[in-house]
Amino acid sequence: MKRHIAIQLAEETERPITEEEIKEAVPLAIAKLNWIIEREGDANGERLKPHYLEQLIMEQVLQMRFSSYTQTQYKEKRNVAYANAPQ
């Protein structure tokens, strides 16, 4: 029986965040933080604390990994479908 995709992804992403991932995630996380603060406020300074940005960075890395995973799955299935298509 196939494991749920979210469980599989969580298990597969239990690896250290790379420097490359951080460089890509930080600007996106900062933009999201600015958007949240603009829309919802800073929650009496809570959203300005480092742990809040760290959480957004971790969420961004997970999103990037999930996106990469799903794109790979799609490409693999597409390649199999093309290989099995009638000629």
N, C-alpha and C. Protein backbone atom coordinates (compact mmCIF):
# COMPACT_ATOMS: atom_id res chain seq x y z
N MET A 1 0.85 -1.19 0.00
CA MET A 1 0.00 0.00 0.00
C MET A 1 0.89 1.24 0.00
N LYS A 2 0.55 2.19 -0.86
CA LYS A 2 1.33 3.41 -0.96
C LYS A 2 1.09 4.32 0.23
N ARG A 3 2.18 4.90 0.74
CA ARG A 3 2.04 5.84 1.84
C ARG A 3 1.46 7.15 1.33
N HIS A 4 0.76 7.86 2.20
CA HIS A 4 0.22 9.16 1.86
C HIS A 4 1.36 10.08 1.44
N ILE A 5 1.16 10.87 0.41
CA ILE A 5 2.21 11.72 -0.15
C ILE A 5 2.79 12.68 0.89
N ALA A 6 1.95 13.21 1.78
CA ALA A 6 2.44 14.15 2.79
C ALA A 6 3.38 13.46 3.77
N ILE A 7 3.07 12.22 4.13
CA ILE A 7 3.93 11.47 5.04
C ILE A 7 5.25 11.16 4.36
N GLN A 8 5.18 10.71 3.12
CA GLN A 8 6.39 10.40 2.37
C GLN A 8 7.27 11.64 2.22
N LEU A 9 6.66 12.76 1.90
CA LEU A 9 7.42 14.00 1.73
C LEU A 9 8.07 14.41 3.06
N ALA A 10 7.33 14.31 4.14
CA ALA A 10 7.89 14.68 5.45
C ALA A 10 9.10 13.82 5.79
N GLU A 11 9.00 12.53 5.50
CA GLU A 11 10.12 11.63 5.78
C GLU A 11 11.32 11.96 4.88
N GLU A 12 11.02 12.25 3.62
CA GLU A 12 12.09 12.51 2.68
C GLU A 12 12.76 13.87 2.89
N THR A 13 12.06 14.80 3.50
CA THR A 13 12.63 16.14 3.68
C THR A 13 13.29 16.31 5.04
N GLU A 14 13.39 15.26 5.80
CA GLU A 14 14.09 15.33 7.08
C GLU A 14 15.59 15.31 6.82
N ARG A 15 16.04 16.35 6.20
CA ARG A 15 17.46 16.52 5.93
C ARG A 15 17.79 17.99 6.17
N PRO A 16 19.01 18.29 6.42
CA PRO A 16 19.36 19.68 6.71
C PRO A 16 19.02 20.61 5.54
N ILE A 17 18.67 21.81 5.87
CA ILE A 17 18.42 22.82 4.85
C ILE A 17 19.76 23.25 4.29
N THR A 18 19.86 23.27 2.98
CA THR A 18 21.12 23.64 2.35
C THR A 18 21.25 25.16 2.25
N GLU A 19 22.47 25.61 2.05
CA GLU A 19 22.73 27.04 1.87
C GLU A 19 21.98 27.58 0.65
N GLU A 20 21.92 26.78 -0.40
CA GLU A 20 21.20 27.16 -1.61
C GLU A 20 19.71 27.36 -1.34
N GLU A 21 19.13 26.45 -0.57
CA GLU A 21 17.71 26.56 -0.24
C GLU A 21 17.46 27.83 0.58
N ILE A 22 18.36 28.12 1.51
CA ILE A 22 18.20 29.32 2.34
C ILE A 22 18.26 30.56 1.46
N LYS A 23 19.24 30.61 0.56
CA LYS A 23 19.38 31.78 -0.31
C LYS A 23 18.13 32.00 -1.16
N GLU A 24 17.50 30.93 -1.57
CA GLU A 24 16.29 31.04 -2.36
C GLU A 24 15.07 31.37 -1.50
N ALA A 25 15.01 30.81 -0.30
CA ALA A 25 13.83 30.95 0.56
C ALA A 25 13.75 32.28 1.29
N VAL A 26 14.89 32.84 1.68
CA VAL A 26 14.87 34.05 2.52
C VAL A 26 14.13 35.21 1.87
N PRO A 27 14.44 35.58 0.63
CA PRO A 27 13.71 36.71 0.05
C PRO A 27 12.20 36.47 -0.05
N LEU A 28 11.82 35.23 -0.35
CA LEU A 28 10.40 34.90 -0.44
C LEU A 28 9.74 34.96 0.93
N ALA A 29 10.44 34.48 1.96
CA ALA A 29 9.91 34.53 3.32
C ALA A 29 9.79 35.96 3.82
N ILE A 30 10.77 36.79 3.50
CA ILE A 30 10.71 38.20 3.90
C ILE A 30 9.54 38.91 3.21
N ALA A 31 9.35 38.62 1.93
CA ALA A 31 8.23 39.21 1.21
C ALA A 31 6.91 38.78 1.83
N LYS A 32 6.82 37.50 2.21
CA LYS A 32 5.59 37.01 2.84
C LYS A 32 5.39 37.68 4.20
N LEU A 33 6.48 37.81 4.96
CA LEU A 33 6.38 38.47 6.27
C LEU A 33 5.90 39.91 6.11
N ASN A 34 6.47 40.63 5.16
CA ASN A 34 6.05 42.02 4.93
C ASN A 34 4.58 42.09 4.54
N TRP A 35 4.15 41.15 3.71
CA TRP A 35 2.74 41.11 3.31
C TRP A 35 1.84 40.84 4.51
N ILE A 36 2.24 39.89 5.35
CA ILE A 36 1.45 39.56 6.55
C ILE A 36 1.35 40.77 7.47
N ILE A 37 2.48 41.42 7.71
CA ILE A 37 2.49 42.58 8.61
C ILE A 37 1.66 43.72 8.02
N GLU A 38 1.77 43.93 6.73
CA GLU A 38 0.97 44.99 6.09
C GLU A 38 -0.51 44.71 6.21
N ARG A 39 -0.86 43.45 6.06
CA ARG A 39 -2.28 43.08 6.08
C ARG A 39 -2.84 42.90 7.50
N GLU A 40 -2.05 42.24 8.37
CA GLU A 40 -2.56 41.85 9.69
C GLU A 40 -1.92 42.59 10.86
N GLY A 41 -0.84 43.34 10.60
CA GLY A 41 -0.12 44.01 11.67
C GLY A 41 0.98 43.12 12.22
N ASP A 42 1.74 43.65 13.17
CA ASP A 42 2.88 42.89 13.69
C ASP A 42 2.57 42.11 14.97
N ALA A 43 1.31 42.05 15.34
CA ALA A 43 0.87 41.29 16.52
C ALA A 43 1.66 41.72 17.76
N ASN A 44 1.65 43.02 18.01
CA ASN A 44 2.37 43.60 19.16
C ASN A 44 3.85 43.22 19.15
N GLY A 45 4.44 43.20 17.98
CA GLY A 45 5.87 42.92 17.85
C GLY A 45 6.23 41.45 17.72
N GLU A 46 5.26 40.56 17.87
CA GLU A 46 5.54 39.12 17.82
C GLU A 46 6.05 38.70 16.44
N ARG A 47 5.48 39.28 15.40
CA ARG A 47 5.89 38.92 14.04
C ARG A 47 7.24 39.53 13.65
N LEU A 48 7.77 40.39 14.47
CA LEU A 48 9.07 40.99 14.21
C LEU A 48 10.21 40.21 14.86
N LYS A 49 9.88 39.21 15.64
CA LYS A 49 10.90 38.40 16.32
C LYS A 49 11.51 37.40 15.35
N PRO A 50 12.78 37.05 15.56
CA PRO A 50 13.48 36.15 14.63
C PRO A 50 12.78 34.80 14.42
N HIS A 51 12.18 34.25 15.45
CA HIS A 51 11.56 32.92 15.31
C HIS A 51 10.43 32.92 14.29
N TYR A 52 9.77 34.06 14.14
CA TYR A 52 8.67 34.13 13.18
C TYR A 52 9.20 34.03 11.75
N LEU A 53 10.26 34.77 11.46
CA LEU A 53 10.87 34.69 10.13
C LEU A 53 11.47 33.31 9.90
N GLU A 54 12.07 32.72 10.92
CA GLU A 54 12.63 31.37 10.79
C GLU A 54 11.54 30.38 10.39
N GLN A 55 10.37 30.50 11.00
CA GLN A 55 9.25 29.61 10.67
C GLN A 55 8.83 29.80 9.21
N LEU A 56 8.76 31.05 8.77
CA LEU A 56 8.39 31.31 7.39
C LEU A 56 9.43 30.75 6.41
N ILE A 57 10.70 30.83 6.78
CA ILE A 57 11.76 30.26 5.93
C ILE A 57 11.61 28.75 5.85
N MET A 58 11.37 28.10 6.99
CA MET A 58 11.18 26.64 6.98
C MET A 58 9.97 26.26 6.13
N GLU A 59 8.89 27.01 6.24
CA GLU A 59 7.70 26.72 5.43
C GLU A 59 8.01 26.89 3.94
N GLN A 60 8.80 27.91 3.60
CA GLN A 60 9.16 28.15 2.20
C GLN A 60 10.02 27.01 1.66
N VAL A 61 10.96 26.54 2.46
CA VAL A 61 11.81 25.43 2.02
C VAL A 61 10.95 24.18 1.80
N LEU A 62 10.04 23.91 2.70
CA LEU A 62 9.15 22.76 2.54
C LEU A 62 8.33 22.90 1.27
N GLN A 63 7.83 24.10 1.02
CA GLN A 63 7.04 24.33 -0.19
C GLN A 63 7.88 24.10 -1.44
N MET A 64 9.12 24.58 -1.43
CA MET A 64 10.00 24.39 -2.59
C MET A 64 10.31 22.91 -2.80
N ARG A 65 10.56 22.19 -1.70
CA ARG A 65 10.83 20.76 -1.81
C ARG A 65 9.62 20.00 -2.32
N PHE A 66 8.44 20.38 -1.83
CA PHE A 66 7.22 19.72 -2.28
C PHE A 66 6.99 19.99 -3.77
N SER A 67 7.20 21.22 -4.18
CA SER A 67 7.05 21.58 -5.59
C SER A 67 8.00 20.77 -6.46
N SER A 68 9.24 20.68 -6.04
CA SER A 68 10.23 19.91 -6.78
C SER A 68 9.83 18.44 -6.86
N TYR A 69 9.37 17.89 -5.74
CA TYR A 69 8.94 16.50 -5.68
C TYR A 69 7.78 16.23 -6.65
N THR A 70 6.77 17.10 -6.63
CA THR A 70 5.62 16.87 -7.48
C THR A 70 5.98 17.05 -8.96
N GLN A 71 6.86 17.98 -9.26
CA GLN A 71 7.30 18.14 -10.65
C GLN A 71 8.04 16.91 -11.13
N THR A 72 8.88 16.34 -10.27
CA THR A 72 9.61 15.12 -10.63
C THR A 72 8.64 13.97 -10.86
N GLN A 73 7.65 13.84 -9.98
CA GLN A 73 6.66 12.77 -10.14
C GLN A 73 5.91 12.92 -11.46
N TYR A 74 5.53 14.14 -11.79
CA TYR A 74 4.81 14.39 -13.04
C TYR A 74 5.67 14.02 -14.24
N LYS A 75 6.92 14.45 -14.24
CA LYS A 75 7.81 14.16 -15.36
C LYS A 75 8.03 12.67 -15.53
N GLU A 76 8.19 11.95 -14.43
CA GLU A 76 8.39 10.50 -14.50
C GLU A 76 7.16 9.82 -15.09
N LYS A 77 5.98 10.23 -14.64
CA LYS A 77 4.75 9.61 -15.14
C LYS A 77 4.51 9.99 -16.60
N ARG A 78 4.82 11.22 -16.97
CA ARG A 78 4.68 11.65 -18.35
C ARG A 78 5.60 10.85 -19.26
N ASN A 79 6.82 10.65 -18.82
CA ASN A 79 7.79 9.88 -19.63
C ASN A 79 7.33 8.44 -19.82
N VAL A 80 6.76 7.85 -18.77
CA VAL A 80 6.25 6.48 -18.88
C VAL A 80 5.07 6.45 -19.85
N ALA A 81 4.20 7.44 -19.75
CA ALA A 81 3.02 7.48 -20.64
C ALA A 81 3.45 7.61 -22.10
N TYR A 82 4.44 8.46 -22.36
CA TYR A 82 4.92 8.62 -23.73
C TYR A 82 5.61 7.33 -24.23
N ALA A 83 6.33 6.69 -23.36
CA ALA A 83 7.04 5.45 -23.75
C ALA A 83 6.04 4.34 -24.08
N ASN A 84 4.91 4.34 -23.40
CA ASN A 84 3.89 3.29 -23.61
C ASN A 84 2.84 3.67 -24.65
N ALA A 85 2.92 4.85 -25.22
CA ALA A 85 1.92 5.29 -26.19
C ALA A 85 2.10 4.52 -27.50
N PRO A 86 0.97 4.24 -28.17
CA PRO A 86 1.08 3.56 -29.48
C PRO A 86 1.86 4.40 -30.46
N GLN A 87 2.65 3.75 -31.25
CA GLN A 87 3.50 4.46 -32.23
C GLN A 87 2.84 4.49 -33.57
